[in-house]
Amino acid sequence: MKTWFFLMMTSIATLFASNHLNAEEQPKTPAEGYNIHVTAPHRHEDGSVHGPYHHYCKPIKPEILQCMIFLSDDPNAELIEIEYFIDQKLARTSVTLEQWNKHFHDHKVEIASGRVQVHDVPP
């Protein structure tokens, strides 16, 4: 089993190493377009604040922004969470108050902290 796994991983590594496509020839992937970089703290359920976390976001619908959350901006950082920013008009009318309190929150607290930063965007 270990030999099979090693051979499979070696084959995958060889495949990636032999890929000579330049940037214009690379096929598009679902990860394309996550180029809105925001760092922001997160308030946890117990009220404690952690972070800042690195959000890499893209709009997936006019009223929904989808973000991949990482602990750092290191190229090998581990993806720790997916977060959605949903227009209040859509979110507040589609869920009960109990669901809202359990699964959603406003970002007023994070923004008011002054610790939210949008990177790589002209003023």
PDB file of N, CA and C in Angstrom:
ATOM      1  N   MET A   1       0.823  -1.193   0.000  1.00  0.00           N
ATOM      2  CA  MET A   1       0.000   0.000   0.000  1.00  0.00           C
ATOM      3  C   MET A   1       0.865   1.252   0.000  1.00  0.00           C
ATOM      4  N   LYS A   2       1.921   1.291   0.849  1.00  0.00           N
ATOM      5  CA  LYS A   2       2.783   2.452   0.901  1.00  0.00           C
ATOM      6  C   LYS A   2       3.481   2.666  -0.437  1.00  0.00           C
ATOM      7  N   THR A   3       3.913   1.562  -1.083  1.00  0.00           N
ATOM      8  CA  THR A   3       4.585   1.674  -2.378  1.00  0.00           C
ATOM      9  C   THR A   3       3.626   2.241  -3.413  1.00  0.00           C
ATOM     10  N   TRP A   4       2.384   1.777  -3.425  1.00  0.00           N
ATOM     11  CA  TRP A   4       1.391   2.275  -4.377  1.00  0.00           C
ATOM     12  C   TRP A   4       1.163   3.775  -4.173  1.00  0.00           C
ATOM     13  N   PHE A   5       1.010   4.193  -2.913  1.00  0.00           N
ATOM     14  CA  PHE A   5       0.785   5.602  -2.610  1.00  0.00           C
ATOM     15  C   PHE A   5       1.979   6.432  -3.052  1.00  0.00           C
ATOM     16  N   PHE A   6       3.198   5.971  -2.769  1.00  0.00           N
ATOM     17  CA  PHE A   6       4.395   6.700  -3.161  1.00  0.00           C
ATOM     18  C   PHE A   6       4.464   6.835  -4.679  1.00  0.00           C
ATOM     19  N   LEU A   7       4.170   5.751  -5.408  1.00  0.00           N
ATOM     20  CA  LEU A   7       4.200   5.809  -6.874  1.00  0.00           C
ATOM     21  C   LEU A   7       3.152   6.767  -7.413  1.00  0.00           C
ATOM     22  N   MET A   8       1.965   6.771  -6.813  1.00  0.00           N
ATOM     23  CA  MET A   8       0.916   7.676  -7.251  1.00  0.00           C
ATOM     24  C   MET A   8       1.348   9.122  -7.020  1.00  0.00           C
ATOM     25  N   MET A   9       1.877   9.431  -5.838  1.00  0.00           N
ATOM     26  CA  MET A   9       2.308  10.792  -5.543  1.00  0.00           C
ATOM     27  C   MET A   9       3.471  11.202  -6.434  1.00  0.00           C
ATOM     28  N   THR A  10       4.384  10.273  -6.719  1.00  0.00           N
ATOM     29  CA  THR A  10       5.506  10.569  -7.614  1.00  0.00           C
ATOM     30  C   THR A  10       4.985  10.868  -9.010  1.00  0.00           C
ATOM     31  N   SER A  11       3.993  10.124  -9.458  1.00  0.00           N
ATOM     32  CA  SER A  11       3.397  10.363 -10.780  1.00  0.00           C
ATOM     33  C   SER A  11       2.725  11.727 -10.843  1.00  0.00           C
ATOM     34  N   ILE A  12       2.011  12.099  -9.782  1.00  0.00           N
ATOM     35  CA  ILE A  12       1.348  13.406  -9.739  1.00  0.00           C
ATOM     36  C   ILE A  12       2.390  14.516  -9.754  1.00  0.00           C
ATOM     37  N   ALA A  13       3.448  14.365  -8.964  1.00  0.00           N
ATOM     38  CA  ALA A  13       4.507  15.381  -8.925  1.00  0.00           C
ATOM     39  C   ALA A  13       5.176  15.513 -10.290  1.00  0.00           C
ATOM     40  N   THR A  14       5.402  14.400 -10.969  1.00  0.00           N
ATOM     41  CA  THR A  14       6.011  14.432 -12.297  1.00  0.00           C
ATOM     42  C   THR A  14       5.092  15.145 -13.281  1.00  0.00           C
ATOM     43  N   LEU A  15       3.801  14.867 -13.194  1.00  0.00           N
ATOM     44  CA  LEU A  15       2.829  15.516 -14.068  1.00  0.00           C
ATOM     45  C   LEU A  15       2.874  17.028 -13.883  1.00  0.00           C
ATOM     46  N   PHE A  16       2.873  17.501 -12.643  1.00  0.00           N
ATOM     47  CA  PHE A  16       2.925  18.941 -12.391  1.00  0.00           C
ATOM     48  C   PHE A  16       4.247  19.542 -12.850  1.00  0.00           C
ATOM     49  N   ALA A  17       5.344  18.833 -12.620  1.00  0.00           N
ATOM     50  CA  ALA A  17       6.656  19.350 -13.011  1.00  0.00           C
ATOM     51  C   ALA A  17       6.792  19.436 -14.527  1.00  0.00           C
ATOM     52  N   SER A  18       6.109  18.582 -15.248  1.00  0.00           N
ATOM     53  CA  SER A  18       6.245  18.570 -16.706  1.00  0.00           C
ATOM     54  C   SER A  18       5.251  19.494 -17.402  1.00  0.00           C
ATOM     55  N   ASN A  19       4.396  20.156 -16.641  1.00  0.00           N
ATOM     56  CA  ASN A  19       3.408  21.067 -17.221  1.00  0.00           C
ATOM     57  C   ASN A  19       4.112  22.356 -17.630  1.00  0.00           C
ATOM     58  N   HIS A  20       4.171  22.628 -18.948  1.00  0.00           N
ATOM     59  CA  HIS A  20       4.891  23.789 -19.458  1.00  0.00           C
ATOM     60  C   HIS A  20       3.956  24.858 -20.002  1.00  0.00           C
ATOM     61  N   LEU A  21       2.707  24.855 -19.605  1.00  0.00           N
ATOM     62  CA  LEU A  21       1.782  25.872 -20.092  1.00  0.00           C
ATOM     63  C   LEU A  21       2.113  27.215 -19.468  1.00  0.00           C
ATOM     64  N   ASN A  22       2.097  28.270 -20.262  1.00  0.00           N
ATOM     65  CA  ASN A  22       2.301  29.591 -19.669  1.00  0.00           C
ATOM     66  C   ASN A  22       0.969  30.093 -19.110  1.00  0.00           C
ATOM     67  N   ALA A  23       0.997  31.249 -18.471  1.00  0.00           N
ATOM     68  CA  ALA A  23      -0.182  31.763 -17.769  1.00  0.00           C
ATOM     69  C   ALA A  23      -1.391  31.912 -18.685  1.00  0.00           C
ATOM     70  N   GLU A  24      -1.190  32.318 -19.944  1.00  0.00           N
ATOM     71  CA  GLU A  24      -2.317  32.501 -20.857  1.00  0.00           C
ATOM     72  C   GLU A  24      -2.944  31.179 -21.273  1.00  0.00           C
ATOM     73  N   GLU A  25      -2.163  30.089 -21.224  1.00  0.00           N
ATOM     74  CA  GLU A  25      -2.662  28.782 -21.655  1.00  0.00           C
ATOM     75  C   GLU A  25      -3.270  27.969 -20.513  1.00  0.00           C
ATOM     76  N   GLN A  26      -3.088  28.415 -19.270  1.00  0.00           N
ATOM     77  CA  GLN A  26      -3.592  27.661 -18.127  1.00  0.00           C
ATOM     78  C   GLN A  26      -5.122  27.620 -18.161  1.00  0.00           C
ATOM     79  N   PRO A  27      -5.702  26.445 -17.951  1.00  0.00           N
ATOM     80  CA  PRO A  27      -7.167  26.375 -17.901  1.00  0.00           C
ATOM     81  C   PRO A  27      -7.697  27.096 -16.673  1.00  0.00           C
ATOM     82  N   LYS A  28      -8.877  27.655 -16.785  1.00  0.00           N
ATOM     83  CA  LYS A  28      -9.506  28.340 -15.664  1.00  0.00           C
ATOM     84  C   LYS A  28     -10.006  27.294 -14.667  1.00  0.00           C
ATOM     85  N   THR A  29     -10.015  27.691 -13.381  1.00  0.00           N
ATOM     86  CA  THR A  29     -10.474  26.807 -12.310  1.00  0.00           C
ATOM     87  C   THR A  29     -11.460  27.565 -11.431  1.00  0.00           C
ATOM     88  N   PRO A  30     -12.179  26.885 -10.544  1.00  0.00           N
ATOM     89  CA  PRO A  30     -13.076  27.589  -9.626  1.00  0.00           C
ATOM     90  C   PRO A  30     -12.327  28.564  -8.718  1.00  0.00           C
ATOM     91  N   ALA A  31     -11.025  28.377  -8.535  1.00  0.00           N
ATOM     92  CA  ALA A  31     -10.243  29.276  -7.688  1.00  0.00           C
ATOM     93  C   ALA A  31      -9.911  30.586  -8.397  1.00  0.00           C
ATOM     94  N   GLU A  32     -10.153  30.670  -9.684  1.00  0.00           N
ATOM     95  CA  GLU A  32      -9.901  31.892 -10.452  1.00  0.00           C
ATOM     96  C   GLU A  32     -10.759  33.028  -9.905  1.00  0.00           C
ATOM     97  N   GLY A  33     -10.158  34.180  -9.720  1.00  0.00           N
ATOM     98  CA  GLY A  33     -10.923  35.365  -9.345  1.00  0.00           C
ATOM     99  C   GLY A  33     -11.000  35.677  -7.866  1.00  0.00           C
ATOM    100  N   TYR A  34     -10.384  34.865  -7.016  1.00  0.00           N
ATOM    101  CA  TYR A  34     -10.361  35.181  -5.586  1.00  0.00           C
ATOM    102  C   TYR A  34      -9.257  36.210  -5.350  1.00  0.00           C
ATOM    103  N   ASN A  35      -9.472  37.418  -5.835  1.00  0.00           N
ATOM    104  CA  ASN A  35      -8.416  38.415  -5.790  1.00  0.00           C
ATOM    105  C   ASN A  35      -8.785  39.645  -4.958  1.00  0.00           C
ATOM    106  N   ILE A  36      -9.855  39.578  -4.198  1.00  0.00           N
ATOM    107  CA  ILE A  36     -10.180  40.628  -3.239  1.00  0.00           C
ATOM    108  C   ILE A  36      -9.596  40.163  -1.908  1.00  0.00           C
ATOM    109  N   HIS A  37      -8.500  40.800  -1.472  1.00  0.00           N
ATOM    110  CA  HIS A  37      -7.790  40.376  -0.256  1.00  0.00           C
ATOM    111  C   HIS A  37      -8.156  41.313   0.888  1.00  0.00           C
ATOM    112  N   VAL A  38      -8.764  40.755   1.915  1.00  0.00           N
ATOM    113  CA  VAL A  38      -9.181  41.521   3.088  1.00  0.00           C
ATOM    114  C   VAL A  38      -8.612  40.836   4.324  1.00  0.00           C
ATOM    115  N   THR A  39      -8.011  41.620   5.218  1.00  0.00           N
ATOM    116  CA  THR A  39      -7.641  41.068   6.523  1.00  0.00           C
ATOM    117  C   THR A  39      -8.597  41.653   7.550  1.00  0.00           C
ATOM    118  N   ALA A  40      -9.081  40.789   8.429  1.00  0.00           N
ATOM    119  CA  ALA A  40     -10.064  41.223   9.422  1.00  0.00           C
ATOM    120  C   ALA A  40     -10.068  40.267  10.601  1.00  0.00           C
ATOM    121  N   PRO A  41     -10.380  40.789  11.777  1.00  0.00           N
ATOM    122  CA  PRO A  41     -10.545  39.919  12.942  1.00  0.00           C
ATOM    123  C   PRO A  41     -11.880  39.181  12.838  1.00  0.00           C
ATOM    124  N   HIS A  42     -12.009  38.122  13.592  1.00  0.00           N
ATOM    125  CA  HIS A  42     -13.280  37.398  13.695  1.00  0.00           C
ATOM    126  C   HIS A  42     -13.682  37.338  15.152  1.00  0.00           C
ATOM    127  N   ARG A  43     -14.947  37.617  15.413  1.00  0.00           N
ATOM    128  CA  ARG A  43     -15.498  37.486  16.761  1.00  0.00           C
ATOM    129  C   ARG A  43     -16.084  36.073  16.860  1.00  0.00           C
ATOM    130  N   HIS A  44     -15.627  35.338  17.877  1.00  0.00           N
ATOM    131  CA  HIS A  44     -16.112  33.975  18.084  1.00  0.00           C
ATOM    132  C   HIS A  44     -17.355  33.987  18.967  1.00  0.00           C
ATOM    133  N   GLU A  45     -18.036  32.844  19.016  1.00  0.00           N
ATOM    134  CA  GLU A  45     -19.292  32.743  19.758  1.00  0.00           C
ATOM    135  C   GLU A  45     -19.146  33.141  21.218  1.00  0.00           C
ATOM    136  N   ASP A  46     -17.962  32.909  21.807  1.00  0.00           N
ATOM    137  CA  ASP A  46     -17.768  33.259  23.220  1.00  0.00           C
ATOM    138  C   ASP A  46     -17.457  34.740  23.417  1.00  0.00           C
ATOM    139  N   GLY A  47     -17.447  35.513  22.327  1.00  0.00           N
ATOM    140  CA  GLY A  47     -17.196  36.946  22.407  1.00  0.00           C
ATOM    141  C   GLY A  47     -15.746  37.339  22.221  1.00  0.00           C
ATOM    142  N   SER A  48     -14.838  36.355  22.205  1.00  0.00           N
ATOM    143  CA  SER A  48     -13.423  36.674  22.019  1.00  0.00           C
ATOM    144  C   SER A  48     -13.162  37.018  20.549  1.00  0.00           C
ATOM    145  N   VAL A  49     -12.132  37.838  20.335  1.00  0.00           N
ATOM    146  CA  VAL A  49     -11.781  38.272  18.989  1.00  0.00           C
ATOM    147  C   VAL A  49     -10.426  37.682  18.633  1.00  0.00           C
ATOM    148  N   HIS A  50     -10.319  37.079  17.452  1.00  0.00           N
ATOM    149  CA  HIS A  50      -9.083  36.452  16.983  1.00  0.00           C
ATOM    150  C   HIS A  50      -8.724  37.010  15.615  1.00  0.00           C
ATOM    151  N   GLY A  51      -7.478  36.830  15.238  1.00  0.00           N
ATOM    152  CA  GLY A  51      -7.059  37.244  13.912  1.00  0.00           C
ATOM    153  C   GLY A  51      -5.986  38.298  13.971  1.00  0.00           C
ATOM    154  N   PRO A  52      -5.725  38.930  12.879  1.00  0.00           N
ATOM    155  CA  PRO A  52      -6.579  38.996  11.695  1.00  0.00           C
ATOM    156  C   PRO A  52      -6.461  37.742  10.829  1.00  0.00           C
ATOM    157  N   TYR A  53      -7.542  37.444  10.149  1.00  0.00           N
ATOM    158  CA  TYR A  53      -7.589  36.352   9.193  1.00  0.00           C
ATOM    159  C   TYR A  53      -7.529  36.934   7.787  1.00  0.00           C
ATOM    160  N   HIS A  54      -6.936  36.182   6.886  1.00  0.00           N
ATOM    161  CA  HIS A  54      -6.815  36.621   5.499  1.00  0.00           C
ATOM    162  C   HIS A  54      -7.967  36.041   4.687  1.00  0.00           C
ATOM    163  N   HIS A  55      -8.787  36.926   4.146  1.00  0.00           N
ATOM    164  CA  HIS A  55      -9.937  36.559   3.322  1.00  0.00           C
ATOM    165  C   HIS A  55      -9.555  36.813   1.860  1.00  0.00           C
ATOM    166  N   TYR A  56      -9.724  35.827   1.018  1.00  0.00           N
ATOM    167  CA  TYR A  56      -9.554  36.007  -0.423  1.00  0.00           C
ATOM    168  C   TYR A  56     -10.929  35.751  -1.036  1.00  0.00           C
ATOM    169  N   CYS A  57     -11.510  36.803  -1.589  1.00  0.00           N
ATOM    170  CA  CYS A  57     -12.924  36.781  -1.956  1.00  0.00           C
ATOM    171  C   CYS A  57     -13.148  37.020  -3.432  1.00  0.00           C
ATOM    172  N   LYS A  58     -14.313  36.570  -3.898  1.00  0.00           N
ATOM    173  CA  LYS A  58     -14.780  36.906  -5.243  1.00  0.00           C
ATOM    174  C   LYS A  58     -16.301  36.913  -5.223  1.00  0.00           C
ATOM    175  N   PRO A  59     -16.883  37.792  -6.050  1.00  0.00           N
ATOM    176  CA  PRO A  59     -18.349  37.786  -6.153  1.00  0.00           C
ATOM    177  C   PRO A  59     -18.796  36.563  -6.958  1.00  0.00           C
ATOM    178  N   ILE A  60     -19.742  35.802  -6.413  1.00  0.00           N
ATOM    179  CA  ILE A  60     -20.270  34.661  -7.161  1.00  0.00           C
ATOM    180  C   ILE A  60     -21.675  34.947  -7.694  1.00  0.00           C
ATOM    181  N   LYS A  61     -22.326  35.953  -7.134  1.00  0.00           N
ATOM    182  CA  LYS A  61     -23.597  36.496  -7.592  1.00  0.00           C
ATOM    183  C   LYS A  61     -23.576  37.968  -7.215  1.00  0.00           C
ATOM    184  N   PRO A  62     -24.403  38.786  -7.810  1.00  0.00           N
ATOM    185  CA  PRO A  62     -24.375  40.212  -7.449  1.00  0.00           C
ATOM    186  C   PRO A  62     -24.571  40.467  -5.955  1.00  0.00           C
ATOM    187  N   GLU A  63     -25.315  39.608  -5.273  1.00  0.00           N
ATOM    188  CA  GLU A  63     -25.594  39.836  -3.851  1.00  0.00           C
ATOM    189  C   GLU A  63     -24.798  38.920  -2.918  1.00  0.00           C
ATOM    190  N   ILE A  64     -23.862  38.127  -3.466  1.00  0.00           N
ATOM    191  CA  ILE A  64     -23.100  37.182  -2.636  1.00  0.00           C
ATOM    192  C   ILE A  64     -21.613  37.267  -2.958  1.00  0.00           C
ATOM    193  N   LEU A  65     -20.822  37.455  -1.905  1.00  0.00           N
ATOM    194  CA  LEU A  65     -19.370  37.436  -1.993  1.00  0.00           C
ATOM    195  C   LEU A  65     -18.904  36.181  -1.257  1.00  0.00           C
ATOM    196  N   GLN A  66     -18.125  35.338  -1.917  1.00  0.00           N
ATOM    197  CA  GLN A  66     -17.631  34.101  -1.313  1.00  0.00           C
ATOM    198  C   GLN A  66     -16.154  34.273  -0.990  1.00  0.00           C
ATOM    199  N   CYS A  67     -15.751  33.914   0.238  1.00  0.00           N
ATOM    200  CA  CYS A  67     -14.369  34.132   0.676  1.00  0.00           C
ATOM    201  C   CYS A  67     -13.741  32.849   1.207  1.00  0.00           C
ATOM    202  N   MET A  68     -12.495  32.626   0.809  1.00  0.00           N
ATOM    203  CA  MET A  68     -11.667  31.573   1.385  1.00  0.00           C
ATOM    204  C   MET A  68     -10.873  32.242   2.508  1.00  0.00           C
ATOM    205  N   ILE A  69     -10.830  31.622   3.688  1.00  0.00           N
ATOM    206  CA  ILE A  69     -10.184  32.221   4.854  1.00  0.00           C
ATOM    207  C   ILE A  69      -8.919  31.421   5.198  1.00  0.00           C
ATOM    208  N   PHE A  70      -7.815  32.160   5.371  1.00  0.00           N
ATOM    209  CA  PHE A  70      -6.529  31.579   5.720  1.00  0.00           C
ATOM    210  C   PHE A  70      -5.983  32.292   6.954  1.00  0.00           C
ATOM    211  N   LEU A  71      -5.085  31.620   7.707  1.00  0.00           N
ATOM    212  CA  LEU A  71      -4.460  32.241   8.875  1.00  0.00           C
ATOM    213  C   LEU A  71      -3.384  33.239   8.485  1.00  0.00           C
ATOM    214  N   SER A  72      -2.821  33.100   7.285  1.00  0.00           N
ATOM    215  CA  SER A  72      -1.770  34.009   6.828  1.00  0.00           C
ATOM    216  C   SER A  72      -1.887  34.176   5.321  1.00  0.00           C
ATOM    217  N   ASP A  73      -1.001  35.011   4.761  1.00  0.00           N
ATOM    218  CA  ASP A  73      -0.974  35.171   3.309  1.00  0.00           C
ATOM    219  C   ASP A  73       0.167  34.376   2.678  1.00  0.00           C
ATOM    220  N   ASP A  74       0.740  33.456   3.432  1.00  0.00           N
ATOM    221  CA  ASP A  74       1.780  32.573   2.909  1.00  0.00           C
ATOM    222  C   ASP A  74       1.195  31.718   1.779  1.00  0.00           C
ATOM    223  N   PRO A  75       1.913  31.526   0.672  1.00  0.00           N
ATOM    224  CA  PRO A  75       1.377  30.718  -0.438  1.00  0.00           C
ATOM    225  C   PRO A  75       0.971  29.302  -0.045  1.00  0.00           C
ATOM    226  N   ASN A  76       1.543  28.759   1.034  1.00  0.00           N
ATOM    227  CA  ASN A  76       1.200  27.404   1.473  1.00  0.00           C
ATOM    228  C   ASN A  76       0.283  27.397   2.688  1.00  0.00           C
ATOM    229  N   ALA A  77      -0.339  28.531   3.000  1.00  0.00           N
ATOM    230  CA  ALA A  77      -1.237  28.601   4.155  1.00  0.00           C
ATOM    231  C   ALA A  77      -2.413  27.644   3.974  1.00  0.00           C
ATOM    232  N   GLU A  78      -2.843  27.086   5.081  1.00  0.00           N
ATOM    233  CA  GLU A  78      -3.962  26.142   5.070  1.00  0.00           C
ATOM    234  C   GLU A  78      -5.287  26.891   5.012  1.00  0.00           C
ATOM    235  N   LEU A  79      -6.173  26.412   4.141  1.00  0.00           N
ATOM    236  CA  LEU A  79      -7.533  26.941   4.076  1.00  0.00           C
ATOM    237  C   LEU A  79      -8.263  26.471   5.331  1.00  0.00           C
ATOM    238  N   ILE A  80      -8.795  27.428   6.118  1.00  0.00           N
ATOM    239  CA  ILE A  80      -9.433  27.044   7.379  1.00  0.00           C
ATOM    240  C   ILE A  80     -10.937  27.232   7.390  1.00  0.00           C
ATOM    241  N   GLU A  81     -11.467  28.009   6.435  1.00  0.00           N
ATOM    242  CA  GLU A  81     -12.895  28.320   6.494  1.00  0.00           C
ATOM    243  C   GLU A  81     -13.348  28.920   5.165  1.00  0.00           C
ATOM    244  N   ILE A  82     -14.622  28.781   4.880  1.00  0.00           N
ATOM    245  CA  ILE A  82     -15.271  29.483   3.775  1.00  0.00           C
ATOM    246  C   ILE A  82     -16.326  30.382   4.404  1.00  0.00           C
ATOM    247  N   GLU A  83     -16.367  31.631   3.959  1.00  0.00           N
ATOM    248  CA  GLU A  83     -17.330  32.577   4.516  1.00  0.00           C
ATOM    249  C   GLU A  83     -18.081  33.257   3.374  1.00  0.00           C
ATOM    250  N   TYR A  84     -19.343  33.526   3.599  1.00  0.00           N
ATOM    251  CA  TYR A  84     -20.173  34.212   2.611  1.00  0.00           C
ATOM    252  C   TYR A  84     -20.633  35.547   3.161  1.00  0.00           C
ATOM    253  N   PHE A  85     -20.514  36.569   2.347  1.00  0.00           N
ATOM    254  CA  PHE A  85     -21.082  37.871   2.651  1.00  0.00           C
ATOM    255  C   PHE A  85     -22.320  37.982   1.779  1.00  0.00           C
ATOM    256  N   ILE A  86     -23.479  38.029   2.420  1.00  0.00           N
ATOM    257  CA  ILE A  86     -24.756  38.002   1.701  1.00  0.00           C
ATOM    258  C   ILE A  86     -25.489  39.309   1.952  1.00  0.00           C
ATOM    259  N   ASP A  87     -25.977  39.895   0.882  1.00  0.00           N
ATOM    260  CA  ASP A  87     -26.744  41.135   0.996  1.00  0.00           C
ATOM    261  C   ASP A  87     -27.842  40.952   2.038  1.00  0.00           C
ATOM    262  N   GLN A  88     -27.961  41.919   2.949  1.00  0.00           N
ATOM    263  CA  GLN A  88     -28.941  41.819   4.034  1.00  0.00           C
ATOM    264  C   GLN A  88     -30.360  41.619   3.520  1.00  0.00           C
ATOM    265  N   LYS A  89     -30.693  42.232   2.397  1.00  0.00           N
ATOM    266  CA  LYS A  89     -32.051  42.095   1.860  1.00  0.00           C
ATOM    267  C   LYS A  89     -32.361  40.636   1.537  1.00  0.00           C
ATOM    268  N   LEU A  90     -31.360  39.908   1.084  1.00  0.00           N
ATOM    269  CA  LEU A  90     -31.545  38.495   0.755  1.00  0.00           C
ATOM    270  C   LEU A  90     -31.503  37.630   2.016  1.00  0.00           C
ATOM    271  N   ALA A  91     -30.494  37.840   2.855  1.00  0.00           N
ATOM    272  CA  ALA A  91     -30.296  36.976   4.018  1.00  0.00           C
ATOM    273  C   ALA A  91     -31.380  37.154   5.064  1.00  0.00           C
ATOM    274  N   ARG A  92     -31.737  38.377   5.359  1.00  0.00           N
ATOM    275  CA  ARG A  92     -32.677  38.621   6.449  1.00  0.00           C
ATOM    276  C   ARG A  92     -34.095  38.190   6.121  1.00  0.00           C
ATOM    277  N   THR A  93     -34.446  38.141   4.855  1.00  0.00           N
ATOM    278  CA  THR A  93     -35.812  37.741   4.501  1.00  0.00           C
ATOM    279  C   THR A  93     -35.930  36.241   4.278  1.00  0.00           C
ATOM    280  N   SER A  94     -34.794  35.538   4.199  1.00  0.00           N
ATOM    281  CA  SER A  94     -34.824  34.118   3.867  1.00  0.00           C
ATOM    282  C   SER A  94     -34.614  33.196   5.058  1.00  0.00           C
ATOM    283  N   VAL A  95     -34.341  33.751   6.242  1.00  0.00           N
ATOM    284  CA  VAL A  95     -34.085  32.904   7.408  1.00  0.00           C
ATOM    285  C   VAL A  95     -34.864  33.409   8.616  1.00  0.00           C
ATOM    286  N   THR A  96     -35.107  32.490   9.540  1.00  0.00           N
ATOM    287  CA  THR A  96     -35.766  32.888  10.782  1.00  0.00           C
ATOM    288  C   THR A  96     -34.758  33.585  11.694  1.00  0.00           C
ATOM    289  N   LEU A  97     -35.228  34.269  12.719  1.00  0.00           N
ATOM    290  CA  LEU A  97     -34.340  34.933  13.672  1.00  0.00           C
ATOM    291  C   LEU A  97     -33.449  33.899  14.362  1.00  0.00           C
ATOM    292  N   GLU A  98     -34.003  32.740  14.686  1.00  0.00           N
ATOM    293  CA  GLU A  98     -33.214  31.673  15.338  1.00  0.00           C
ATOM    294  C   GLU A  98     -32.078  31.215  14.417  1.00  0.00           C
ATOM    295  N   GLN A  99     -32.379  31.010  13.117  1.00  0.00           N
ATOM    296  CA  GLN A  99     -31.337  30.629  12.161  1.00  0.00           C
ATOM    297  C   GLN A  99     -30.304  31.742  12.019  1.00  0.00           C
ATOM    298  N   TRP A 100     -30.775  32.995  11.966  1.00  0.00           N
ATOM    299  CA  TRP A 100     -29.864  34.136  11.826  1.00  0.00           C
ATOM    300  C   TRP A 100     -28.860  34.158  12.980  1.00  0.00           C
ATOM    301  N   ASN A 101     -29.371  34.045  14.217  1.00  0.00           N
ATOM    302  CA  ASN A 101     -28.505  34.114  15.393  1.00  0.00           C
ATOM    303  C   ASN A 101     -27.531  32.941  15.463  1.00  0.00           C
ATOM    304  N   LYS A 102     -27.904  31.801  14.909  1.00  0.00           N
ATOM    305  CA  LYS A 102     -27.044  30.623  14.960  1.00  0.00           C
ATOM    306  C   LYS A 102     -25.993  30.627  13.844  1.00  0.00           C
ATOM    307  N   HIS A 103     -26.348  31.056  12.633  1.00  0.00           N
ATOM    308  CA  HIS A 103     -25.474  30.877  11.474  1.00  0.00           C
ATOM    309  C   HIS A 103     -24.944  32.170  10.856  1.00  0.00           C
ATOM    310  N   PHE A 104     -25.496  33.310  11.213  1.00  0.00           N
ATOM    311  CA  PHE A 104     -25.123  34.557  10.560  1.00  0.00           C
ATOM    312  C   PHE A 104     -24.703  35.597  11.598  1.00  0.00           C
ATOM    313  N   HIS A 105     -24.027  36.632  11.127  1.00  0.00           N
ATOM    314  CA  HIS A 105     -23.745  37.787  11.967  1.00  0.00           C
ATOM    315  C   HIS A 105     -23.433  38.978  11.065  1.00  0.00           C
ATOM    316  N   ASP A 106     -23.686  40.164  11.587  1.00  0.00           N
ATOM    317  CA  ASP A 106     -23.291  41.379  10.887  1.00  0.00           C
ATOM    318  C   ASP A 106     -21.808  41.592  11.113  1.00  0.00           C
ATOM    319  N   HIS A 107     -21.184  42.335  10.242  1.00  0.00           N
ATOM    320  CA  HIS A 107     -19.758  42.608  10.369  1.00  0.00           C
ATOM    321  C   HIS A 107     -19.484  43.988  10.961  1.00  0.00           C
ATOM    322  N   LYS A 108     -20.510  44.586  11.547  1.00  0.00           N
ATOM    323  CA  LYS A 108     -20.359  45.922  12.132  1.00  0.00           C
ATOM    324  C   LYS A 108     -19.273  45.949  13.198  1.00  0.00           C
ATOM    325  N   VAL A 109     -19.200  44.918  14.038  1.00  0.00           N
ATOM    326  CA  VAL A 109     -18.223  44.881  15.121  1.00  0.00           C
ATOM    327  C   VAL A 109     -16.805  44.838  14.557  1.00  0.00           C
ATOM    328  N   GLU A 110     -16.570  43.962  13.567  1.00  0.00           N
ATOM    329  CA  GLU A 110     -15.237  43.862  12.975  1.00  0.00           C
ATOM    330  C   GLU A 110     -14.841  45.171  12.289  1.00  0.00           C
ATOM    331  N   ILE A 111     -15.759  45.761  11.547  1.00  0.00           N
ATOM    332  CA  ILE A 111     -15.465  47.001  10.831  1.00  0.00           C
ATOM    333  C   ILE A 111     -15.224  48.143  11.812  1.00  0.00           C
ATOM    334  N   ALA A 112     -16.035  48.221  12.862  1.00  0.00           N
ATOM    335  CA  ALA A 112     -15.891  49.294  13.859  1.00  0.00           C
ATOM    336  C   ALA A 112     -14.566  49.210  14.607  1.00  0.00           C
ATOM    337  N   SER A 113     -13.947  48.025  14.625  1.00  0.00           N
ATOM    338  CA  SER A 113     -12.675  47.867  15.342  1.00  0.00           C
ATOM    339  C   SER A 113     -11.543  48.623  14.654  1.00  0.00           C
ATOM    340  N   GLY A 114     -11.724  48.989  13.398  1.00  0.00           N
ATOM    341  CA  GLY A 114     -10.655  49.652  12.643  1.00  0.00           C
ATOM    342  C   GLY A 114      -9.585  48.692  12.168  1.00  0.00           C
ATOM    343  N   ARG A 115      -9.773  47.392  12.389  1.00  0.00           N
ATOM    344  CA  ARG A 115      -8.777  46.397  12.029  1.00  0.00           C
ATOM    345  C   ARG A 115      -9.060  45.726  10.688  1.00  0.00           C
ATOM    346  N   VAL A 116     -10.095  46.136   9.991  1.00  0.00           N
ATOM    347  CA  VAL A 116     -10.405  45.568   8.667  1.00  0.00           C
ATOM    348  C   VAL A 116      -9.621  46.327   7.621  1.00  0.00           C
ATOM    349  N   GLN A 117      -8.878  45.617   6.789  1.00  0.00           N
ATOM    350  CA  GLN A 117      -8.105  46.244   5.734  1.00  0.00           C
ATOM    351  C   GLN A 117      -8.372  45.524   4.414  1.00  0.00           C
ATOM    352  N   VAL A 118      -8.587  46.313   3.358  1.00  0.00           N
ATOM    353  CA  VAL A 118      -8.710  45.765   2.004  1.00  0.00           C
ATOM    354  C   VAL A 118      -7.374  46.019   1.316  1.00  0.00           C
ATOM    355  N   HIS A 119      -6.771  44.976   0.777  1.00  0.00           N
ATOM    356  CA  HIS A 119      -5.451  45.071   0.155  1.00  0.00           C
ATOM    357  C   HIS A 119      -5.571  45.044  -1.377  1.00  0.00           C
ATOM    358  N   ASP A 120      -4.538  45.522  -2.029  1.00  0.00           N
ATOM    359  CA  ASP A 120      -4.404  45.406  -3.488  1.00  0.00           C
ATOM    360  C   ASP A 120      -5.537  46.057  -4.271  1.00  0.00           C
ATOM    361  N   VAL A 121      -6.169  47.063  -3.696  1.00  0.00           N
ATOM    362  CA  VAL A 121      -7.235  47.767  -4.389  1.00  0.00           C
ATOM    363  C   VAL A 121      -6.874  49.242  -4.400  1.00  0.00           C
ATOM    364  N   PRO A 122      -6.926  49.886  -5.571  1.00  0.00           N
ATOM    365  CA  PRO A 122      -6.620  51.317  -5.587  1.00  0.00           C
ATOM    366  C   PRO A 122      -7.611  52.100  -4.727  1.00  0.00           C
ATOM    367  N   PRO A 123      -7.154  53.231  -4.165  1.00  0.00           N
ATOM    368  CA  PRO A 123      -8.042  54.023  -3.291  1.00  0.00           C
ATOM    369  C   PRO A 123      -9.328  54.400  -4.001  1.00  0.00           C
TER     370      PRO A 123
END
